[in-house]
Amino acid sequence: MKNSASWEEVKKELLQNPETASAYDDLKEEYSLIASIIAARLEKGLTQAELAERIGTTQGNISRLESGRHNPSVLFLRKVARALEKELEVTFR
């Protein structure tokens, strides 16, 4: 049985390509936000469906958010944060 590579190993290999690295850098804020949402949801032991129910949306909307196929409003992110008992902070640096 072949060992599967971890996400970090795959990411490291992919980012060796300059075009891929540039595209990743362009989207790093989105990736960071998505990772934070997923980590907070898992920390609470919630499924996507349970999170969706808490904020009055569908599991499909949570799936699209977590996969990066949805561009959420600040209002939607605030609802997600509250459902996860987190504080939403948006900053410009």
Protein backbone atom coordinates (compact mmCIF):
# COMPACT_ATOMS: atom_id res chain seq x y z
CA MET A 1 0.00 0.00 0.00
CA LYS A 2 1.40 3.34 -1.02
CA ASN A 3 1.93 6.01 1.65
CA SER A 4 -0.12 9.11 1.06
CA ALA A 5 1.65 12.42 1.41
CA SER A 6 0.47 14.92 3.99
CA TRP A 7 -1.05 18.20 2.87
CA GLU A 8 2.05 20.06 4.02
CA GLU A 9 4.30 17.82 1.92
CA VAL A 10 2.10 18.24 -1.15
CA LYS A 11 1.90 22.00 -0.58
CA LYS A 12 5.68 22.28 -0.25
CA GLU A 13 6.17 20.43 -3.53
CA LEU A 14 3.53 22.47 -5.37
CA LEU A 15 4.96 25.78 -4.14
CA GLN A 16 8.31 24.98 -5.75
CA ASN A 17 6.69 25.95 -9.04
CA PRO A 18 6.98 29.78 -9.36
CA GLU A 19 3.57 30.16 -11.05
CA THR A 20 1.85 28.07 -8.40
CA ALA A 21 3.65 29.94 -5.63
CA SER A 22 2.56 33.29 -7.09
CA ALA A 23 -1.07 32.17 -7.38
CA TYR A 24 -0.98 30.84 -3.82
CA ASP A 25 0.45 34.14 -2.54
CA ASP A 26 -2.37 36.00 -4.28
CA LEU A 27 -4.91 33.92 -2.35
CA LYS A 28 -3.14 33.40 0.99
CA GLU A 29 -5.60 35.55 2.95
CA GLU A 30 -8.54 33.50 1.65
CA TYR A 31 -6.75 30.24 2.42
CA SER A 32 -5.94 31.45 5.93
CA LEU A 33 -9.55 32.46 6.57
CA ILE A 34 -10.86 29.13 5.27
CA ALA A 35 -8.37 27.19 7.41
CA SER A 36 -9.42 29.20 10.47
CA ILE A 37 -13.11 28.50 9.87
CA ILE A 38 -12.54 24.77 9.37
CA ALA A 39 -10.28 24.54 12.44
CA ALA A 40 -12.84 26.38 14.62
CA ARG A 41 -15.68 24.18 13.36
CA LEU A 42 -13.71 21.00 14.04
CA GLU A 43 -12.63 22.34 17.45
CA LYS A 44 -16.33 22.66 18.33
CA GLY A 45 -16.97 19.16 17.01
CA LEU A 46 -19.51 20.44 14.49
CA THR A 47 -20.35 19.06 11.08
CA GLN A 48 -20.94 21.44 8.20
CA ALA A 49 -24.66 20.69 8.52
CA GLU A 50 -24.66 21.55 12.24
CA LEU A 51 -22.85 24.82 11.63
CA ALA A 52 -25.27 25.65 8.83
CA GLU A 53 -28.23 25.03 11.11
CA ARG A 54 -26.76 27.34 13.77
CA ILE A 55 -26.59 30.24 11.32
CA GLY A 56 -29.70 29.53 9.30
CA THR A 57 -28.13 28.49 6.03
CA THR A 58 -27.56 25.25 4.14
CA GLN A 59 -24.76 22.72 4.43
CA GLY A 60 -24.02 23.45 0.77
CA ASN A 61 -23.26 27.08 1.61
CA ILE A 62 -20.82 26.00 4.32
CA SER A 63 -19.22 23.56 1.90
CA ARG A 64 -18.77 26.30 -0.71
CA LEU A 65 -17.33 28.62 1.95
CA GLU A 66 -14.84 26.00 3.15
CA SER A 67 -13.81 25.05 -0.37
CA GLY A 68 -13.20 28.65 -1.43
CA ARG A 69 -16.01 28.66 -3.99
CA HIS A 70 -18.04 31.25 -2.06
CA ASN A 71 -17.15 34.88 -1.53
CA PRO A 72 -18.90 35.59 1.79
CA SER A 73 -20.09 38.94 3.02
CA VAL A 74 -18.87 40.34 6.32
CA LEU A 75 -22.39 39.74 7.68
CA PHE A 76 -22.16 36.03 6.77
CA LEU A 77 -18.69 35.76 8.32
CA ARG A 78 -20.00 37.44 11.48
CA LYS A 79 -22.76 34.81 11.70
CA VAL A 80 -20.21 32.03 11.24
CA ALA A 81 -17.96 33.53 13.92
CA ARG A 82 -20.82 33.85 16.41
CA ALA A 83 -21.98 30.29 15.74
CA LEU A 84 -18.43 29.12 16.45
CA GLU A 85 -18.22 31.32 19.56
CA LYS A 86 -15.40 33.30 17.99
CA GLU A 87 -14.82 36.97 17.35
CA LEU A 88 -14.57 38.23 13.77
CA GLU A 89 -11.66 40.62 13.29
CA VAL A 90 -10.97 42.30 9.97
CA THR A 91 -7.82 44.39 9.72
CA PHE A 92 -5.74 46.17 7.12
CA ARG A 93 -1.99 46.11 7.67
